[in-house]
Amino acid sequence: MRALLGIFVLLGLAFLCSERRREVPWRTVAGGMILQIVLAVILFRFPPMRAALLLVNRGAFALQAATDQGAAFVFGYLGGAALPFAATGPGSSLVLAFKILPLVLVISALSALLIHWGLLQLITRGLAWLLRRSLGIDGALALGAAVHIFLGMIEAPLLIRPYLSKMQRGELFALMCCGMAGVAGTVMVIYATMLSPVLPNALSTILVASVISTPAALAVAAIMVPFRPGGDELPQIAQENRPASTMDALARGVMDGVGPLVAIAAFLIVAVALVGLINRFLGLFDAGLTLQAIFAWPLRPVMWLIGIPWAQSGVAATLMGTKTVLNELVAYLNLAALPANALDLKSRLIVTCALCGFANFGSLGIMIGGIGAMVPERRSEVVNLGLRSILAGTIATCLSGAVAGLLG
């Protein structure tokens, strides 16, 4: 039951960081936490839902196999075709840019088709209705939070752009927290592909983590920057320059995926280089001192509190530090490369959920630039709330890890 204690400690930490402790909307907080636990029980323990998630898992592998065919055709052995030489070790032939990242293009194209056909709108409006009824939040925030489960931290606010300027400060912060506490559908399959050798049903775990982190993010946001819950009806999803046809939607989806693909690759190069440079400087004082280790120190007791044995908490905290300093992609790569005895299966489940979010410094820059461009008059407010949103997103994903530990 240590994970239960961890939930209360994490919520207490959010309360200590609150701007206005006397104005916390406790209905929203309680509703968010209850909804997170209920959704986790249904998705993790309810047999029909588990069967549906297994189908999603198989679909992801089919999607990966189809993408491999396209990547191998274009890039040859760099994209997964037969090697013209003998591999010297397991995983030595994996080239991230040509084997894993092309999934971004395929998922982006499929997402555009789902939006054009109206299927994604039906799903998100159903989830938004659930959030609005259970948490009492405004329609625009509920819709934005629901869309965050499938889209990224910029794409989701873009769909409710007309409402951003009118949102309360706390509602804007809650929207930012949902972006920090989840991952986009364009990368879920990538992470699952990397983790499938070390975590059974990796995609279903990541999908569940992204779903249950949304109500947790709303609860944590309501504590840290309180807002007045309202009752506005659900708005329509804004669609500018609607595609003329299915083929037009497909083409736009492909082109829309090029930017994120290049951005991911570019950021990985720069982020790893900069962190390596800082670590070299820190190494002048202590050979074992790194930026990841510095961030891991306060996270180790948190990992223990959410259900990971103390002997394994150091490894888990280092992964969380890597995710905060770099991003979750690098952290998941490191998790997949760990020795089998570094983390047991339950700990891998907890860490996978705790890592499942965009809460890192690079994402903060993307969020400030993106939302700041959508509502220039509130850019300074977004900047002011930025670091707080990283903390809130991290707390929310750790809450998901704790809940997964309780049910695991």
Protein backbone atom coordinates (compact mmCIF):
# COMPACT_ATOMS: atom_id res chain seq x y z
CA MET A 1 0.00 0.00 0.00
CA ARG A 2 3.05 2.26 -0.23
CA ALA A 3 1.78 3.53 -3.59
CA LEU A 4 -1.37 4.82 -1.87
CA LEU A 5 0.81 6.87 0.48
CA GLY A 6 2.71 8.09 -2.58
CA ILE A 7 -0.52 9.43 -4.11
CA PHE A 8 -1.25 11.54 -1.03
CA VAL A 9 2.36 12.77 -0.82
CA LEU A 10 2.32 13.84 -4.49
CA LEU A 11 -0.98 15.68 -4.05
CA GLY A 12 0.47 17.29 -0.91
CA LEU A 13 3.47 18.48 -2.92
CA ALA A 14 1.11 20.04 -5.46
CA PHE A 15 -0.76 21.75 -2.61
CA LEU A 16 2.48 23.18 -1.21
CA CYS A 17 3.17 24.69 -4.65
CA SER A 18 -0.34 26.13 -5.00
CA GLU A 19 -0.80 29.80 -5.87
CA ARG A 20 -4.04 30.13 -3.88
CA ARG A 21 -4.58 27.28 -1.45
CA ARG A 22 -7.91 28.61 -0.18
CA GLU A 23 -9.44 28.65 -3.65
CA VAL A 24 -8.72 25.05 -4.73
CA PRO A 25 -11.83 23.55 -6.45
CA TRP A 26 -11.88 20.31 -4.50
CA ARG A 27 -14.70 18.83 -6.59
CA THR A 28 -12.44 18.98 -9.64
CA VAL A 29 -9.51 17.50 -7.67
CA ALA A 30 -11.57 14.67 -6.19
CA GLY A 31 -13.30 14.00 -9.50
CA GLY A 32 -10.00 13.87 -11.35
CA MET A 33 -8.42 11.39 -8.95
CA ILE A 34 -11.52 9.18 -8.79
CA LEU A 35 -11.83 9.19 -12.58
CA GLN A 36 -8.15 8.27 -12.93
CA ILE A 37 -8.53 5.27 -10.63
CA VAL A 38 -11.83 4.15 -12.20
CA LEU A 39 -10.42 4.37 -15.72
CA ALA A 40 -7.30 2.49 -14.63
CA VAL A 41 -9.37 -0.33 -13.07
CA ILE A 42 -11.55 -0.59 -16.19
CA LEU A 43 -8.63 -0.50 -18.64
CA PHE A 44 -6.26 -2.70 -16.65
CA ARG A 45 -8.64 -5.19 -15.01
CA PHE A 46 -11.87 -5.39 -17.06
CA PRO A 47 -11.44 -8.40 -19.42
CA PRO A 48 -13.29 -6.96 -22.45
CA MET A 49 -11.21 -3.78 -22.25
CA ARG A 50 -8.01 -5.78 -21.89
CA ALA A 51 -9.00 -7.77 -24.97
CA ALA A 52 -9.64 -4.52 -26.85
CA LEU A 53 -6.24 -3.19 -25.79
CA LEU A 54 -4.60 -6.40 -26.98
CA LEU A 55 -6.21 -5.80 -30.37
CA VAL A 56 -4.78 -2.29 -30.32
CA ASN A 57 -1.41 -3.84 -29.51
CA ARG A 58 -1.63 -6.18 -32.52
CA GLY A 59 -2.70 -3.27 -34.70
CA ALA A 60 0.37 -1.33 -33.58
CA PHE A 61 2.69 -4.16 -34.56
CA ALA A 62 0.95 -4.40 -37.94
CA LEU A 63 1.43 -0.66 -38.35
CA GLN A 64 5.10 -0.98 -37.44
CA ALA A 65 5.56 -3.86 -39.90
CA ALA A 66 3.89 -1.84 -42.68
CA THR A 67 6.07 1.18 -41.88
CA ASP A 68 9.15 -1.04 -41.94
CA GLN A 69 8.24 -2.06 -45.47
CA GLY A 70 8.05 1.56 -46.58
CA ALA A 71 11.25 2.53 -44.74
CA ALA A 72 13.14 -0.49 -46.11
CA PHE A 73 12.01 0.36 -49.65
CA VAL A 74 13.27 3.95 -49.34
CA PHE A 75 16.30 3.54 -47.06
CA GLY A 76 17.35 -0.05 -47.71
CA TYR A 77 19.10 -1.84 -44.85
CA LEU A 78 19.17 1.42 -42.84
CA GLY A 79 15.37 1.22 -42.72
CA GLY A 80 15.20 -2.46 -41.84
CA ALA A 81 15.93 -4.37 -45.06
CA ALA A 82 18.32 -7.34 -45.02
CA LEU A 83 21.82 -6.36 -43.91
CA PRO A 84 24.65 -6.68 -46.47
CA PHE A 85 26.97 -7.56 -43.59
CA ALA A 86 26.88 -9.49 -40.31
CA ALA A 87 25.56 -7.60 -37.25
CA THR A 88 28.08 -7.58 -34.41
CA GLY A 89 25.56 -7.45 -31.58
CA PRO A 90 21.84 -7.28 -30.75
CA GLY A 91 20.37 -3.93 -31.76
CA SER A 92 23.52 -2.79 -33.55
CA SER A 93 21.65 -2.50 -36.86
CA LEU A 94 18.93 -0.24 -35.43
CA VAL A 95 19.23 3.27 -36.88
CA LEU A 96 16.75 5.46 -35.02
CA ALA A 97 16.24 8.05 -37.77
CA PHE A 98 15.48 5.49 -40.48
CA LYS A 99 13.86 2.63 -38.56
CA ILE A 100 11.79 4.25 -35.78
CA LEU A 101 11.07 7.88 -36.69
CA PRO A 102 9.28 7.14 -40.02
CA LEU A 103 6.34 6.04 -37.85
CA VAL A 104 5.73 9.75 -37.20
CA LEU A 105 4.84 10.22 -40.87
CA VAL A 106 2.50 7.22 -40.98
CA ILE A 107 0.70 8.13 -37.74
CA SER A 108 0.40 11.77 -38.82
CA ALA A 109 -1.22 10.68 -42.10
CA LEU A 110 -3.62 8.30 -40.34
CA SER A 111 -4.54 10.97 -37.77
CA ALA A 112 -5.38 13.39 -40.56
CA LEU A 113 -7.64 10.76 -42.15
CA LEU A 114 -9.41 10.06 -38.83
CA ILE A 115 -10.04 13.77 -38.32
CA HIS A 116 -11.26 14.21 -41.92
CA TRP A 117 -13.67 11.28 -41.53
CA GLY A 118 -14.89 12.63 -38.17
CA LEU A 119 -13.94 9.54 -36.15
CA LEU A 120 -11.43 11.28 -33.87
CA GLN A 121 -13.97 14.00 -33.12
CA LEU A 122 -16.51 11.41 -31.94
CA ILE A 123 -14.00 9.79 -29.59
CA THR A 124 -12.69 13.05 -28.15
CA ARG A 125 -16.15 14.55 -27.67
CA GLY A 126 -17.17 11.44 -25.74
CA LEU A 127 -14.11 11.75 -23.50
CA ALA A 128 -14.67 15.50 -23.16
CA TRP A 129 -18.28 14.92 -22.07
CA LEU A 130 -17.00 12.48 -19.41
CA LEU A 131 -14.42 15.00 -18.13
CA ARG A 132 -16.96 17.82 -18.06
CA ARG A 133 -19.57 15.82 -16.17
CA SER A 134 -17.20 14.25 -13.64
CA LEU A 135 -14.94 17.26 -12.97
CA GLY A 136 -17.34 20.14 -13.63
CA ILE A 137 -14.89 21.94 -15.93
CA ASP A 138 -15.76 24.21 -18.85
CA GLY A 139 -16.45 22.70 -22.25
CA ALA A 140 -13.40 24.21 -23.99
CA LEU A 141 -10.99 22.89 -21.34
CA ALA A 142 -12.68 19.47 -21.33
CA LEU A 143 -12.40 19.22 -25.11
CA GLY A 144 -8.79 20.42 -25.12
CA ALA A 145 -7.86 17.93 -22.40
CA ALA A 146 -9.53 15.05 -24.23
CA VAL A 147 -7.83 15.89 -27.53
CA HIS A 148 -4.46 15.91 -25.73
CA ILE A 149 -4.77 12.13 -25.29
CA PHE A 150 -4.31 11.68 -29.03
CA LEU A 151 -2.59 14.83 -30.25
CA GLY A 152 0.48 16.77 -29.16
CA MET A 153 0.87 19.79 -26.89
CA ILE A 154 0.55 22.20 -29.85
CA GLU A 155 -1.96 20.38 -32.07
CA ALA A 156 -4.53 20.01 -29.26
CA PRO A 157 -4.68 23.73 -28.26
CA LEU A 158 -4.81 24.58 -31.96
CA LEU A 159 -8.17 22.80 -32.23
CA ILE A 160 -9.68 25.09 -29.55
CA ARG A 161 -7.71 28.18 -30.54
CA PRO A 162 -10.74 30.55 -30.56
CA TYR A 163 -11.29 29.88 -26.83
CA LEU A 164 -7.69 30.28 -25.58
CA SER A 165 -7.82 34.05 -25.12
CA LYS A 166 -10.92 33.80 -22.89
CA MET A 167 -9.68 31.02 -20.60
CA GLN A 168 -8.98 31.70 -16.94
CA ARG A 169 -5.32 31.61 -15.91
CA GLY A 170 -5.91 28.28 -14.12
CA GLU A 171 -7.68 26.80 -17.15
CA LEU A 172 -4.81 27.77 -19.45
CA PHE A 173 -2.42 26.18 -16.97
CA ALA A 174 -4.57 23.03 -16.84
CA LEU A 175 -4.41 22.80 -20.64
CA MET A 176 -0.61 23.14 -20.48
CA CYS A 177 -0.44 20.43 -17.80
CA CYS A 178 -2.45 18.02 -19.95
CA GLY A 179 0.15 18.53 -22.69
CA MET A 180 3.00 17.85 -20.26
CA ALA A 181 1.32 14.78 -18.75
CA GLY A 182 0.59 12.95 -22.01
CA VAL A 183 2.23 11.91 -25.25
CA ALA A 184 0.91 12.33 -28.79
CA GLY A 185 -0.50 9.41 -30.76
CA THR A 186 2.27 9.99 -33.30
CA VAL A 187 4.86 8.71 -30.83
CA MET A 188 2.93 6.12 -28.79
CA VAL A 189 3.64 3.37 -31.30
CA ILE A 190 7.31 4.37 -31.46
CA TYR A 191 7.68 3.96 -27.70
CA ALA A 192 5.77 0.68 -27.74
CA THR A 193 8.02 -0.65 -30.51
CA MET A 194 11.10 0.10 -28.42
CA LEU A 195 9.65 -1.37 -25.20
CA SER A 196 7.93 -4.47 -26.60
CA PRO A 197 10.97 -6.72 -25.98
CA VAL A 198 11.04 -5.83 -22.26
CA LEU A 199 7.38 -5.06 -21.43
CA PRO A 200 4.40 -7.24 -22.44
CA ASN A 201 1.59 -5.33 -24.17
CA ALA A 202 3.70 -2.19 -24.26
CA LEU A 203 1.34 -0.15 -26.44
CA SER A 204 -1.72 -0.86 -24.32
CA THR A 205 0.25 0.20 -21.21
CA ILE A 206 1.34 3.47 -22.83
CA LEU A 207 -2.19 4.12 -24.13
CA VAL A 208 -3.70 3.53 -20.68
CA ALA A 209 -1.03 5.73 -19.07
CA SER A 210 -1.83 8.58 -21.45
CA VAL A 211 -5.58 8.25 -20.82
CA ILE A 212 -5.42 8.10 -17.01
CA SER A 213 -2.83 10.88 -16.75
CA THR A 214 -5.30 13.39 -18.22
CA PRO A 215 -7.73 13.53 -15.26
CA ALA A 216 -4.72 13.44 -12.92
CA ALA A 217 -3.21 16.44 -14.73
CA LEU A 218 -6.48 18.35 -14.38
CA ALA A 219 -6.61 17.52 -10.66
CA VAL A 220 -3.00 18.60 -10.05
CA ALA A 221 -3.47 21.76 -12.14
CA ALA A 222 -6.59 22.68 -10.16
CA ILE A 223 -4.53 22.47 -6.95
CA MET A 224 -1.47 24.37 -8.18
CA VAL A 225 -3.28 27.16 -10.08
CA PRO A 226 -6.95 27.09 -8.99
CA PHE A 227 -9.73 28.10 -11.36
CA ARG A 228 -13.48 28.45 -11.12
CA PRO A 229 -15.19 25.39 -12.62
CA GLY A 230 -17.92 26.32 -15.08
CA GLY A 231 -20.65 24.74 -17.14
CA ASP A 232 -20.17 25.91 -20.72
CA GLU A 233 -21.29 23.46 -23.36
CA LEU A 234 -18.74 21.54 -25.42
CA PRO A 235 -17.55 23.66 -28.37
CA GLN A 236 -17.01 22.34 -31.85
CA ILE A 237 -13.48 21.37 -32.84
CA ALA A 238 -12.08 24.18 -34.94
CA GLN A 239 -10.99 23.08 -38.41
CA GLU A 240 -9.31 25.69 -40.57
CA ASN A 241 -8.83 24.94 -44.28
CA ARG A 242 -10.69 21.64 -44.16
CA PRO A 243 -9.26 19.09 -46.65
CA ALA A 244 -11.24 18.82 -49.87
CA SER A 245 -11.06 15.02 -50.02
CA THR A 246 -9.60 11.92 -48.41
CA MET A 247 -6.52 12.10 -50.61
CA ASP A 248 -6.07 15.77 -49.72
CA ALA A 249 -6.29 14.88 -46.01
CA LEU A 250 -3.76 12.08 -46.50
CA ALA A 251 -1.34 14.38 -48.33
CA ARG A 252 -1.67 17.08 -45.69
CA GLY A 253 -1.15 14.55 -42.93
CA VAL A 254 2.08 13.35 -44.53
CA MET A 255 3.40 16.89 -44.95
CA ASP A 256 2.32 17.83 -41.42
CA GLY A 257 4.36 14.90 -40.15
CA VAL A 258 7.56 16.04 -41.84
CA GLY A 259 8.01 18.99 -39.49
CA PRO A 260 7.70 16.97 -36.25
CA LEU A 261 9.94 14.22 -37.64
CA VAL A 262 12.72 16.67 -38.48
CA ALA A 263 12.17 18.53 -35.19
CA ILE A 264 12.44 15.32 -33.15
CA ALA A 265 15.66 14.29 -34.87
CA ALA A 266 17.15 17.79 -34.63
CA PHE A 267 16.22 18.22 -30.99
CA LEU A 268 17.66 14.83 -30.07
CA ILE A 269 20.98 15.75 -31.68
CA VAL A 270 21.17 19.15 -29.96
CA ALA A 271 19.78 18.05 -26.59
CA VAL A 272 22.09 15.05 -26.26
CA ALA A 273 25.04 17.21 -27.34
CA LEU A 274 24.25 20.00 -24.87
CA VAL A 275 23.68 17.61 -21.98
CA GLY A 276 26.93 15.84 -22.90
CA LEU A 277 28.72 19.19 -22.80
CA ILE A 278 27.26 20.06 -19.39
CA ASN A 279 28.12 16.59 -18.08
CA ARG A 280 31.72 17.00 -19.22
CA PHE A 281 31.88 20.24 -17.23
CA LEU A 282 30.33 18.58 -14.16
CA GLY A 283 32.80 15.72 -14.55
CA LEU A 284 35.62 18.14 -13.78
CA PHE A 285 34.34 18.24 -10.19
CA ASP A 286 33.18 14.63 -9.85
CA ALA A 287 33.65 11.85 -12.39
CA GLY A 288 30.20 10.39 -11.66
CA LEU A 289 28.30 13.68 -11.59
CA THR A 290 25.83 14.27 -14.44
CA LEU A 291 22.82 16.49 -15.01
CA GLN A 292 20.60 13.39 -15.08
CA ALA A 293 21.99 12.30 -11.72
CA ILE A 294 21.31 15.71 -10.18
CA PHE A 295 17.66 15.53 -11.22
CA ALA A 296 17.49 11.88 -10.14
CA TRP A 297 18.42 12.58 -6.50
CA PRO A 298 15.07 14.14 -5.43
CA LEU A 299 13.16 11.69 -7.64
CA ARG A 300 14.49 8.55 -5.95
CA PRO A 301 12.22 8.76 -2.88
CA VAL A 302 9.32 9.56 -5.23
CA MET A 303 9.98 6.37 -7.19
CA TRP A 304 10.04 4.41 -3.94
CA LEU A 305 6.78 6.02 -2.80
CA ILE A 306 4.91 5.08 -5.98
CA GLY A 307 5.76 1.40 -5.53
CA ILE A 308 9.29 0.64 -6.75
CA PRO A 309 11.57 -1.26 -4.33
CA TRP A 310 14.32 0.92 -2.86
CA ALA A 311 17.05 -1.24 -4.40
CA GLN A 312 15.61 -0.47 -7.87
CA SER A 313 14.54 3.12 -7.19
CA GLY A 314 17.93 4.55 -8.18
CA VAL A 315 17.64 3.10 -11.68
CA ALA A 316 14.05 4.36 -12.00
CA ALA A 317 15.02 7.84 -10.74
CA THR A 318 17.86 8.03 -13.27
CA LEU A 319 15.36 7.26 -16.05
CA MET A 320 13.06 9.99 -14.74
CA GLY A 321 15.99 12.41 -14.56
CA THR A 322 16.90 11.56 -18.16
CA LYS A 323 13.32 12.16 -19.23
CA THR A 324 13.24 15.58 -17.52
CA VAL A 325 16.63 16.74 -18.80
CA LEU A 326 16.37 15.24 -22.32
CA ASN A 327 13.00 13.67 -23.15
CA GLU A 328 10.93 10.53 -22.72
CA LEU A 329 12.19 9.02 -26.00
CA VAL A 330 15.76 8.84 -24.68
CA ALA A 331 14.48 7.57 -21.33
CA TYR A 332 12.48 4.80 -23.01
CA LEU A 333 15.52 3.85 -25.10
CA ASN A 334 17.53 3.57 -21.88
CA LEU A 335 14.76 1.55 -20.25
CA ALA A 336 14.71 -0.89 -23.17
CA ALA A 337 18.50 -1.28 -22.93
CA LEU A 338 18.58 -2.06 -19.19
CA PRO A 339 19.77 -5.50 -18.03
CA ALA A 340 16.90 -7.86 -17.25
CA ASN A 341 17.62 -7.79 -13.49
CA ALA A 342 17.79 -3.98 -13.19
CA LEU A 343 14.00 -3.64 -12.80
CA ASP A 344 11.41 -6.34 -12.18
CA LEU A 345 8.27 -6.50 -14.35
CA LYS A 346 6.09 -4.49 -11.95
CA SER A 347 8.74 -1.78 -11.67
CA ARG A 348 8.97 -1.62 -15.48
CA LEU A 349 5.21 -1.13 -15.62
CA ILE A 350 5.33 1.68 -13.04
CA VAL A 351 8.29 3.42 -14.70
CA THR A 352 6.70 3.15 -18.15
CA CYS A 353 3.62 5.00 -16.86
CA ALA A 354 5.69 7.55 -14.93
CA LEU A 355 7.78 8.34 -18.02
CA CYS A 356 4.74 8.67 -20.29
CA GLY A 357 4.60 12.45 -20.65
CA PHE A 358 6.20 15.42 -22.38
CA ALA A 359 7.25 17.11 -19.12
CA ASN A 360 10.78 18.23 -19.98
CA PHE A 361 12.62 21.46 -20.75
CA GLY A 362 12.63 20.95 -24.51
CA SER A 363 8.86 20.50 -24.55
CA LEU A 364 8.51 23.71 -22.55
CA GLY A 365 10.24 25.63 -25.33
CA ILE A 366 7.92 24.06 -27.91
CA MET A 367 4.87 24.89 -25.80
CA ILE A 368 5.88 28.51 -25.19
CA GLY A 369 6.55 29.02 -28.89
CA GLY A 370 3.36 27.26 -30.04
CA ILE A 371 0.76 28.62 -27.61
CA GLY A 372 2.50 32.00 -27.59
CA ALA A 373 1.98 32.22 -31.34
CA MET A 374 -1.70 31.26 -31.02
CA VAL A 375 -2.44 33.87 -28.31
CA PRO A 376 0.40 36.44 -28.39
CA GLU A 377 -1.31 38.54 -25.72
CA ARG A 378 -0.89 35.69 -23.21
CA ARG A 379 2.65 34.63 -24.10
CA SER A 380 4.15 36.13 -20.93
CA GLU A 381 1.56 34.21 -18.89
CA VAL A 382 2.52 30.95 -20.61
CA VAL A 383 6.20 31.68 -19.87
CA ASN A 384 5.37 32.42 -16.23
CA LEU A 385 3.52 29.11 -15.87
CA GLY A 386 6.08 27.04 -17.81
CA LEU A 387 8.29 25.55 -15.09
CA ARG A 388 5.26 24.96 -12.90
CA SER A 389 3.66 22.97 -15.74
CA ILE A 390 6.71 20.67 -15.93
CA LEU A 391 6.36 19.94 -12.21
CA ALA A 392 2.61 19.39 -12.54
CA GLY A 393 3.03 17.09 -15.54
CA THR A 394 5.66 15.06 -13.69
CA ILE A 395 3.42 14.73 -10.63
CA ALA A 396 0.51 13.61 -12.84
CA THR A 397 2.51 10.88 -14.59
CA CYS A 398 3.93 9.72 -11.25
CA LEU A 399 0.35 9.46 -9.98
CA SER A 400 -0.38 7.23 -12.97
CA GLY A 401 2.65 5.12 -12.05
CA ALA A 402 1.37 4.82 -8.49
CA VAL A 403 -2.08 3.74 -9.67
CA ALA A 404 -0.53 1.22 -12.05
CA GLY A 405 1.54 -0.10 -9.14
CA LEU A 406 -1.57 -0.53 -7.02
CA LEU A 407 -3.29 -2.52 -9.76
CA GLY A 408 -0.21 -4.32 -11.08
